[in-house]
Amino acid sequence: MKRNKSLPFDPKVFLSKVNGGRTISDYRSNQIVYEQGTAADFVFYIQKGKAKVTVISEQGKEAVVTVLGTGDFFGEGCLASQTLRMATRR
């Protein structure tokens, strides 16, 4: 039996075919997309630009964990039953 090779996942193709449940938003530099501790209810995809990922310690100190860029997904913890955001995205 011959197996068909699957094509690599292309988020642009996937997002162009999603029927409903999709919103395109623009954010200013350093505008908060969501904050640590808020409800985890959406997944995001960066079409253009960057998003900084930060966490705040119990002592109130902020640390940059990473910087995401064009083509990255974030907020996917909600797909694995995560109920609250573990970091802030801006």
PDB file of N, CA and C in Angstrom:
ATOM      1  N   MET A   1       0.843  -1.178   0.000  1.00  0.00           N
ATOM      2  CA  MET A   1       0.000   0.000   0.000  1.00  0.00           C
ATOM      3  C   MET A   1       0.884   1.235   0.000  1.00  0.00           C
ATOM      4  N   LYS A   2       0.605   2.142  -0.881  1.00  0.00           N
ATOM      5  CA  LYS A   2       1.393   3.354  -1.016  1.00  0.00           C
ATOM      6  C   LYS A   2       0.857   4.434  -0.077  1.00  0.00           C
ATOM      7  N   ARG A   3       1.753   5.048   0.708  1.00  0.00           N
ATOM      8  CA  ARG A   3       1.357   6.122   1.629  1.00  0.00           C
ATOM      9  C   ARG A   3       1.541   7.468   0.962  1.00  0.00           C
ATOM     10  N   ASN A   4       0.574   8.334   1.174  1.00  0.00           N
ATOM     11  CA  ASN A   4       0.703   9.701   0.680  1.00  0.00           C
ATOM     12  C   ASN A   4       1.533  10.498   1.674  1.00  0.00           C
ATOM     13  N   LYS A   5       2.492  11.236   1.174  1.00  0.00           N
ATOM     14  CA  LYS A   5       3.255  12.112   2.045  1.00  0.00           C
ATOM     15  C   LYS A   5       2.387  13.314   2.389  1.00  0.00           C
ATOM     16  N   SER A   6       2.344  13.630   3.662  1.00  0.00           N
ATOM     17  CA  SER A   6       1.562  14.798   4.044  1.00  0.00           C
ATOM     18  C   SER A   6       2.409  16.047   3.849  1.00  0.00           C
ATOM     19  N   LEU A   7       1.753  17.096   3.455  1.00  0.00           N
ATOM     20  CA  LEU A   7       2.431  18.365   3.264  1.00  0.00           C
ATOM     21  C   LEU A   7       2.664  19.022   4.613  1.00  0.00           C
ATOM     22  N   PRO A   8       3.703  19.843   4.731  1.00  0.00           N
ATOM     23  CA  PRO A   8       3.936  20.521   5.998  1.00  0.00           C
ATOM     24  C   PRO A   8       2.793  21.484   6.316  1.00  0.00           C
ATOM     25  N   PHE A   9       2.572  21.690   7.602  1.00  0.00           N
ATOM     26  CA  PHE A   9       1.524  22.609   8.051  1.00  0.00           C
ATOM     27  C   PHE A   9       1.870  24.021   7.620  1.00  0.00           C
ATOM     28  N   ASP A  10       0.937  24.698   6.980  1.00  0.00           N
ATOM     29  CA  ASP A  10       1.117  26.085   6.558  1.00  0.00           C
ATOM     30  C   ASP A  10       0.065  26.932   7.258  1.00  0.00           C
ATOM     31  N   PRO A  11       0.443  27.715   8.284  1.00  0.00           N
ATOM     32  CA  PRO A  11      -0.543  28.483   9.036  1.00  0.00           C
ATOM     33  C   PRO A  11      -1.294  29.500   8.185  1.00  0.00           C
ATOM     34  N   LYS A  12      -0.660  30.066   7.168  1.00  0.00           N
ATOM     35  CA  LYS A  12      -1.347  31.042   6.315  1.00  0.00           C
ATOM     36  C   LYS A  12      -2.495  30.387   5.551  1.00  0.00           C
ATOM     37  N   VAL A  13      -2.267  29.189   5.037  1.00  0.00           N
ATOM     38  CA  VAL A  13      -3.322  28.462   4.329  1.00  0.00           C
ATOM     39  C   VAL A  13      -4.423  28.087   5.311  1.00  0.00           C
ATOM     40  N   PHE A  14      -4.050  27.544   6.471  1.00  0.00           N
ATOM     41  CA  PHE A  14      -5.028  27.151   7.490  1.00  0.00           C
ATOM     42  C   PHE A  14      -5.892  28.340   7.900  1.00  0.00           C
ATOM     43  N   LEU A  15      -5.270  29.466   8.217  1.00  0.00           N
ATOM     44  CA  LEU A  15      -6.018  30.631   8.694  1.00  0.00           C
ATOM     45  C   LEU A  15      -6.885  31.253   7.604  1.00  0.00           C
ATOM     46  N   SER A  16      -6.499  31.101   6.347  1.00  0.00           N
ATOM     47  CA  SER A  16      -7.313  31.648   5.264  1.00  0.00           C
ATOM     48  C   SER A  16      -8.572  30.814   5.025  1.00  0.00           C
ATOM     49  N   LYS A  17      -8.568  29.554   5.498  1.00  0.00           N
ATOM     50  CA  LYS A  17      -9.701  28.662   5.280  1.00  0.00           C
ATOM     51  C   LYS A  17     -10.581  28.466   6.510  1.00  0.00           C
ATOM     52  N   VAL A  18     -10.169  29.005   7.654  1.00  0.00           N
ATOM     53  CA  VAL A  18     -10.949  28.847   8.879  1.00  0.00           C
ATOM     54  C   VAL A  18     -12.290  29.540   8.688  1.00  0.00           C
ATOM     55  N   ASN A  19     -13.359  28.806   8.979  1.00  0.00           N
ATOM     56  CA  ASN A  19     -14.707  29.341   8.803  1.00  0.00           C
ATOM     57  C   ASN A  19     -15.229  29.819  10.151  1.00  0.00           C
ATOM     58  N   GLY A  20     -15.098  31.116  10.418  1.00  0.00           N
ATOM     59  CA  GLY A  20     -15.561  31.686  11.681  1.00  0.00           C
ATOM     60  C   GLY A  20     -14.550  31.502  12.785  1.00  0.00           C
ATOM     61  N   GLY A  21     -14.781  32.158  13.906  1.00  0.00           N
ATOM     62  CA  GLY A  21     -13.898  32.025  15.046  1.00  0.00           C
ATOM     63  C   GLY A  21     -12.547  32.676  14.875  1.00  0.00           C
ATOM     64  N   ARG A  22     -12.412  33.551  13.891  1.00  0.00           N
ATOM     65  CA  ARG A  22     -11.129  34.188  13.609  1.00  0.00           C
ATOM     66  C   ARG A  22     -11.309  35.691  13.603  1.00  0.00           C
ATOM     67  N   THR A  23     -10.394  36.400  14.232  1.00  0.00           N
ATOM     68  CA  THR A  23     -10.405  37.851  14.253  1.00  0.00           C
ATOM     69  C   THR A  23      -8.995  38.343  13.962  1.00  0.00           C
ATOM     70  N   ILE A  24      -8.887  39.355  13.134  1.00  0.00           N
ATOM     71  CA  ILE A  24      -7.584  39.963  12.856  1.00  0.00           C
ATOM     72  C   ILE A  24      -7.536  41.287  13.602  1.00  0.00           C
ATOM     73  N   SER A  25      -6.502  41.455  14.427  1.00  0.00           N
ATOM     74  CA  SER A  25      -6.355  42.658  15.240  1.00  0.00           C
ATOM     75  C   SER A  25      -4.977  43.262  15.041  1.00  0.00           C
ATOM     76  N   ASP A  26      -4.892  44.571  15.169  1.00  0.00           N
ATOM     77  CA  ASP A  26      -3.613  45.278  15.145  1.00  0.00           C
ATOM     78  C   ASP A  26      -3.315  45.758  16.552  1.00  0.00           C
ATOM     79  N   TYR A  27      -2.053  45.642  16.968  1.00  0.00           N
ATOM     80  CA  TYR A  27      -1.619  46.099  18.287  1.00  0.00           C
ATOM     81  C   TYR A  27      -0.468  47.082  18.121  1.00  0.00           C
ATOM     82  N   ARG A  28      -0.469  48.118  18.951  1.00  0.00           N
ATOM     83  CA  ARG A  28       0.623  49.085  18.959  1.00  0.00           C
ATOM     84  C   ARG A  28       1.820  48.476  19.687  1.00  0.00           C
ATOM     85  N   SER A  29       2.972  49.078  19.518  1.00  0.00           N
ATOM     86  CA  SER A  29       4.164  48.651  20.226  1.00  0.00           C
ATOM     87  C   SER A  29       3.928  48.728  21.733  1.00  0.00           C
ATOM     88  N   ASN A  30       4.278  47.669  22.442  1.00  0.00           N
ATOM     89  CA  ASN A  30       4.122  47.545  23.904  1.00  0.00           C
ATOM     90  C   ASN A  30       2.682  47.498  24.396  1.00  0.00           C
ATOM     91  N   GLN A  31       1.704  47.397  23.504  1.00  0.00           N
ATOM     92  CA  GLN A  31       0.313  47.225  23.930  1.00  0.00           C
ATOM     93  C   GLN A  31       0.138  45.800  24.431  1.00  0.00           C
ATOM     94  N   ILE A  32      -0.523  45.643  25.558  1.00  0.00           N
ATOM     95  CA  ILE A  32      -0.727  44.324  26.140  1.00  0.00           C
ATOM     96  C   ILE A  32      -1.795  43.565  25.349  1.00  0.00           C
ATOM     97  N   VAL A  33      -1.455  42.355  24.921  1.00  0.00           N
ATOM     98  CA  VAL A  33      -2.398  41.465  24.232  1.00  0.00           C
ATOM     99  C   VAL A  33      -3.204  40.722  25.284  1.00  0.00           C
ATOM    100  N   TYR A  34      -2.520  40.156  26.278  1.00  0.00           N
ATOM    101  CA  TYR A  34      -3.172  39.595  27.457  1.00  0.00           C
ATOM    102  C   TYR A  34      -2.168  39.581  28.610  1.00  0.00           C
ATOM    103  N   GLU A  35      -2.699  39.494  29.833  1.00  0.00           N
ATOM    104  CA  GLU A  35      -1.857  39.555  31.016  1.00  0.00           C
ATOM    105  C   GLU A  35      -1.796  38.224  31.756  1.00  0.00           C
ATOM    106  N   GLN A  36      -0.692  38.010  32.434  1.00  0.00           N
ATOM    107  CA  GLN A  36      -0.485  36.841  33.277  1.00  0.00           C
ATOM    108  C   GLN A  36      -1.630  36.756  34.284  1.00  0.00           C
ATOM    109  N   GLY A  37      -2.231  35.575  34.402  1.00  0.00           N
ATOM    110  CA  GLY A  37      -3.305  35.360  35.366  1.00  0.00           C
ATOM    111  C   GLY A  37      -4.707  35.552  34.820  1.00  0.00           C
ATOM    112  N   THR A  38      -4.848  36.058  33.581  1.00  0.00           N
ATOM    113  CA  THR A  38      -6.179  36.217  32.990  1.00  0.00           C
ATOM    114  C   THR A  38      -6.610  34.900  32.340  1.00  0.00           C
ATOM    115  N   ALA A  39      -7.881  34.823  31.975  1.00  0.00           N
ATOM    116  CA  ALA A  39      -8.429  33.599  31.382  1.00  0.00           C
ATOM    117  C   ALA A  39      -7.709  33.243  30.078  1.00  0.00           C
ATOM    118  N   ALA A  40      -7.364  31.965  29.943  1.00  0.00           N
ATOM    119  CA  ALA A  40      -6.723  31.454  28.726  1.00  0.00           C
ATOM    120  C   ALA A  40      -7.826  30.924  27.817  1.00  0.00           C
ATOM    121  N   ASP A  41      -8.215  31.735  26.832  1.00  0.00           N
ATOM    122  CA  ASP A  41      -9.362  31.363  26.017  1.00  0.00           C
ATOM    123  C   ASP A  41      -9.173  31.554  24.512  1.00  0.00           C
ATOM    124  N   PHE A  42      -8.008  32.011  24.074  1.00  0.00           N
ATOM    125  CA  PHE A  42      -7.755  32.212  22.654  1.00  0.00           C
ATOM    126  C   PHE A  42      -6.328  31.838  22.308  1.00  0.00           C
ATOM    127  N   VAL A  43      -6.108  31.455  21.057  1.00  0.00           N
ATOM    128  CA  VAL A  43      -4.779  31.234  20.501  1.00  0.00           C
ATOM    129  C   VAL A  43      -4.513  32.373  19.533  1.00  0.00           C
ATOM    130  N   PHE A  44      -3.277  32.852  19.498  1.00  0.00           N
ATOM    131  CA  PHE A  44      -2.899  33.968  18.643  1.00  0.00           C
ATOM    132  C   PHE A  44      -1.833  33.542  17.650  1.00  0.00           C
ATOM    133  N   TYR A  45      -1.816  34.211  16.484  1.00  0.00           N
ATOM    134  CA  TYR A  45      -0.818  33.981  15.443  1.00  0.00           C
ATOM    135  C   TYR A  45      -0.296  35.344  15.008  1.00  0.00           C
ATOM    136  N   ILE A  46       1.010  35.500  14.958  1.00  0.00           N
ATOM    137  CA  ILE A  46       1.606  36.782  14.576  1.00  0.00           C
ATOM    138  C   ILE A  46       1.800  36.809  13.065  1.00  0.00           C
ATOM    139  N   GLN A  47       1.004  37.640  12.392  1.00  0.00           N
ATOM    140  CA  GLN A  47       1.146  37.778  10.940  1.00  0.00           C
ATOM    141  C   GLN A  47       2.308  38.699  10.587  1.00  0.00           C
ATOM    142  N   LYS A  48       2.514  39.719  11.428  1.00  0.00           N
ATOM    143  CA  LYS A  48       3.574  40.687  11.174  1.00  0.00           C
ATOM    144  C   LYS A  48       3.962  41.323  12.499  1.00  0.00           C
ATOM    145  N   GLY A  49       5.251  41.464  12.747  1.00  0.00           N
ATOM    146  CA  GLY A  49       5.712  42.137  13.953  1.00  0.00           C
ATOM    147  C   GLY A  49       6.268  41.179  14.989  1.00  0.00           C
ATOM    148  N   LYS A  50       6.270  41.654  16.248  1.00  0.00           N
ATOM    149  CA  LYS A  50       6.839  40.887  17.356  1.00  0.00           C
ATOM    150  C   LYS A  50       5.938  40.969  18.570  1.00  0.00           C
ATOM    151  N   ALA A  51       6.107  40.012  19.477  1.00  0.00           N
ATOM    152  CA  ALA A  51       5.401  40.031  20.761  1.00  0.00           C
ATOM    153  C   ALA A  51       6.400  39.621  21.840  1.00  0.00           C
ATOM    154  N   LYS A  52       6.492  40.429  22.878  1.00  0.00           N
ATOM    155  CA  LYS A  52       7.388  40.142  23.993  1.00  0.00           C
ATOM    156  C   LYS A  52       6.630  39.338  25.040  1.00  0.00           C
ATOM    157  N   VAL A  53       7.269  38.291  25.565  1.00  0.00           N
ATOM    158  CA  VAL A  53       6.677  37.435  26.579  1.00  0.00           C
ATOM    159  C   VAL A  53       7.355  37.746  27.911  1.00  0.00           C
ATOM    160  N   THR A  54       6.562  38.179  28.902  1.00  0.00           N
ATOM    161  CA  THR A  54       7.120  38.523  30.202  1.00  0.00           C
ATOM    162  C   THR A  54       6.355  37.813  31.315  1.00  0.00           C
ATOM    163  N   VAL A  55       7.025  37.621  32.437  1.00  0.00           N
ATOM    164  CA  VAL A  55       6.395  37.080  33.636  1.00  0.00           C
ATOM    165  C   VAL A  55       6.740  38.003  34.797  1.00  0.00           C
ATOM    166  N   ILE A  56       5.867  38.013  35.807  1.00  0.00           N
ATOM    167  CA  ILE A  56       6.101  38.813  37.004  1.00  0.00           C
ATOM    168  C   ILE A  56       6.233  37.860  38.185  1.00  0.00           C
ATOM    169  N   SER A  57       7.319  38.012  38.934  1.00  0.00           N
ATOM    170  CA  SER A  57       7.566  37.141  40.088  1.00  0.00           C
ATOM    171  C   SER A  57       6.673  37.537  41.254  1.00  0.00           C
ATOM    172  N   GLU A  58       6.654  36.712  42.281  1.00  0.00           N
ATOM    173  CA  GLU A  58       5.885  37.027  43.484  1.00  0.00           C
ATOM    174  C   GLU A  58       6.389  38.303  44.152  1.00  0.00           C
ATOM    175  N   GLN A  59       7.659  38.657  43.893  1.00  0.00           N
ATOM    176  CA  GLN A  59       8.228  39.886  44.446  1.00  0.00           C
ATOM    177  C   GLN A  59       7.912  41.104  43.584  1.00  0.00           C
ATOM    178  N   GLY A  60       7.210  40.890  42.464  1.00  0.00           N
ATOM    179  CA  GLY A  60       6.809  41.990  41.594  1.00  0.00           C
ATOM    180  C   GLY A  60       7.819  42.359  40.528  1.00  0.00           C
ATOM    181  N   LYS A  61       8.865  41.566  40.367  1.00  0.00           N
ATOM    182  CA  LYS A  61       9.871  41.858  39.345  1.00  0.00           C
ATOM    183  C   LYS A  61       9.466  41.224  38.022  1.00  0.00           C
ATOM    184  N   GLU A  62       9.622  41.997  36.944  1.00  0.00           N
ATOM    185  CA  GLU A  62       9.264  41.517  35.609  1.00  0.00           C
ATOM    186  C   GLU A  62      10.501  40.987  34.902  1.00  0.00           C
ATOM    187  N   ALA A  63      10.351  39.857  34.205  1.00  0.00           N
ATOM    188  CA  ALA A  63      11.440  39.264  33.430  1.00  0.00           C
ATOM    189  C   ALA A  63      10.938  38.946  32.027  1.00  0.00           C
ATOM    190  N   VAL A  64      11.751  39.272  31.028  1.00  0.00           N
ATOM    191  CA  VAL A  64      11.431  38.920  29.644  1.00  0.00           C
ATOM    192  C   VAL A  64      11.851  37.474  29.427  1.00  0.00           C
ATOM    193  N   VAL A  65      10.901  36.638  29.020  1.00  0.00           N
ATOM    194  CA  VAL A  65      11.166  35.217  28.794  1.00  0.00           C
ATOM    195  C   VAL A  65      11.663  35.001  27.370  1.00  0.00           C
ATOM    196  N   THR A  66      10.993  35.613  26.412  1.00  0.00           N
ATOM    197  CA  THR A  66      11.375  35.479  25.002  1.00  0.00           C
ATOM    198  C   THR A  66      10.690  36.564  24.191  1.00  0.00           C
ATOM    199  N   VAL A  67      11.089  36.686  22.943  1.00  0.00           N
ATOM    200  CA  VAL A  67      10.425  37.570  21.989  1.00  0.00           C
ATOM    201  C   VAL A  67       9.997  36.710  20.810  1.00  0.00           C
ATOM    202  N   LEU A  68       8.711  36.751  20.500  1.00  0.00           N
ATOM    203  CA  LEU A  68       8.153  35.983  19.383  1.00  0.00           C
ATOM    204  C   LEU A  68       8.084  36.871  18.151  1.00  0.00           C
ATOM    205  N   GLY A  69       8.086  36.268  16.976  1.00  0.00           N
ATOM    206  CA  GLY A  69       8.060  37.048  15.748  1.00  0.00           C
ATOM    207  C   GLY A  69       7.063  36.525  14.740  1.00  0.00           C
ATOM    208  N   THR A  70       7.110  37.106  13.558  1.00  0.00           N
ATOM    209  CA  THR A  70       6.216  36.749  12.465  1.00  0.00           C
ATOM    210  C   THR A  70       6.190  35.235  12.256  1.00  0.00           C
ATOM    211  N   GLY A  71       4.979  34.682  12.186  1.00  0.00           N
ATOM    212  CA  GLY A  71       4.809  33.247  11.964  1.00  0.00           C
ATOM    213  C   GLY A  71       4.697  32.420  13.229  1.00  0.00           C
ATOM    214  N   ASP A  72       4.833  33.052  14.388  1.00  0.00           N
ATOM    215  CA  ASP A  72       4.736  32.318  15.653  1.00  0.00           C
ATOM    216  C   ASP A  72       3.304  32.307  16.181  1.00  0.00           C
ATOM    217  N   PHE A  73       2.952  31.214  16.853  1.00  0.00           N
ATOM    218  CA  PHE A  73       1.696  31.103  17.594  1.00  0.00           C
ATOM    219  C   PHE A  73       2.005  31.337  19.060  1.00  0.00           C
ATOM    220  N   PHE A  74       1.031  31.837  19.818  1.00  0.00           N
ATOM    221  CA  PHE A  74       1.160  31.892  21.267  1.00  0.00           C
ATOM    222  C   PHE A  74      -0.220  31.819  21.899  1.00  0.00           C
ATOM    223  N   GLY A  75      -0.253  31.503  23.187  1.00  0.00           N
ATOM    224  CA  GLY A  75      -1.520  31.331  23.882  1.00  0.00           C
ATOM    225  C   GLY A  75      -2.105  29.949  23.713  1.00  0.00           C
ATOM    226  N   GLU A  76      -1.315  29.032  23.176  1.00  0.00           N
ATOM    227  CA  GLU A  76      -1.822  27.694  22.868  1.00  0.00           C
ATOM    228  C   GLU A  76      -2.044  26.832  24.107  1.00  0.00           C
ATOM    229  N   GLY A  77      -1.670  27.314  25.276  1.00  0.00           N
ATOM    230  CA  GLY A  77      -1.914  26.563  26.508  1.00  0.00           C
ATOM    231  C   GLY A  77      -3.384  26.257  26.718  1.00  0.00           C
ATOM    232  N   CYS A  78      -4.262  27.122  26.201  1.00  0.00           N
ATOM    233  CA  CYS A  78      -5.704  26.885  26.352  1.00  0.00           C
ATOM    234  C   CYS A  78      -6.145  25.617  25.620  1.00  0.00           C
ATOM    235  N   LEU A  79      -5.385  25.159  24.636  1.00  0.00           N
ATOM    236  CA  LEU A  79      -5.723  23.932  23.918  1.00  0.00           C
ATOM    237  C   LEU A  79      -5.438  22.692  24.764  1.00  0.00           C
ATOM    238  N   ALA A  80      -4.636  22.867  25.809  1.00  0.00           N
ATOM    239  CA  ALA A  80      -4.283  21.763  26.703  1.00  0.00           C
ATOM    240  C   ALA A  80      -4.920  21.961  28.080  1.00  0.00           C
ATOM    241  N   SER A  81      -6.087  22.589  28.084  1.00  0.00           N
ATOM    242  CA  SER A  81      -6.886  22.797  29.301  1.00  0.00           C
ATOM    243  C   SER A  81      -6.262  23.753  30.306  1.00  0.00           C
ATOM    244  N   GLN A  82      -5.307  24.573  29.881  1.00  0.00           N
ATOM    245  CA  GLN A  82      -4.768  25.610  30.765  1.00  0.00           C
ATOM    246  C   GLN A  82      -5.844  26.678  30.916  1.00  0.00           C
ATOM    247  N   THR A  83      -6.230  26.992  32.130  1.00  0.00           N
ATOM    248  CA  THR A  83      -7.330  27.933  32.344  1.00  0.00           C
ATOM    249  C   THR A  83      -6.875  29.374  32.509  1.00  0.00           C
ATOM    250  N   LEU A  84      -5.630  29.578  32.965  1.00  0.00           N
ATOM    251  CA  LEU A  84      -5.112  30.929  33.162  1.00  0.00           C
ATOM    252  C   LEU A  84      -3.824  31.122  32.373  1.00  0.00           C
ATOM    253  N   ARG A  85      -3.582  32.359  31.936  1.00  0.00           N
ATOM    254  CA  ARG A  85      -2.362  32.702  31.208  1.00  0.00           C
ATOM    255  C   ARG A  85      -1.175  32.655  32.158  1.00  0.00           C
ATOM    256  N   MET A  86      -0.088  32.066  31.716  1.00  0.00           N
ATOM    257  CA  MET A  86       1.106  31.927  32.548  1.00  0.00           C
ATOM    258  C   MET A  86       2.071  33.101  32.390  1.00  0.00           C
ATOM    259  N   ALA A  87       1.832  33.960  31.392  1.00  0.00           N
ATOM    260  CA  ALA A  87       2.732  35.088  31.125  1.00  0.00           C
ATOM    261  C   ALA A  87       1.932  36.222  30.498  1.00  0.00           C
ATOM    262  N   THR A  88       2.572  37.376  30.386  1.00  0.00           N
ATOM    263  CA  THR A  88       1.984  38.537  29.723  1.00  0.00           C
ATOM    264  C   THR A  88       2.575  38.633  28.323  1.00  0.00           C
ATOM    265  N   ARG A  89       1.747  38.975  27.334  1.00  0.00           N
ATOM    266  CA  ARG A  89       2.219  39.187  25.961  1.00  0.00           C
ATOM    267  C   ARG A  89       1.939  40.629  25.578  1.00  0.00           C
ATOM    268  N   ARG A  90       2.969  41.279  25.051  1.00  0.00           N
ATOM    269  CA  ARG A  90       2.798  42.647  24.558  1.00  0.00           C
ATOM    270  C   ARG A  90       3.574  42.837  23.295  1.00  0.00           C
TER     271      ARG A  90
END
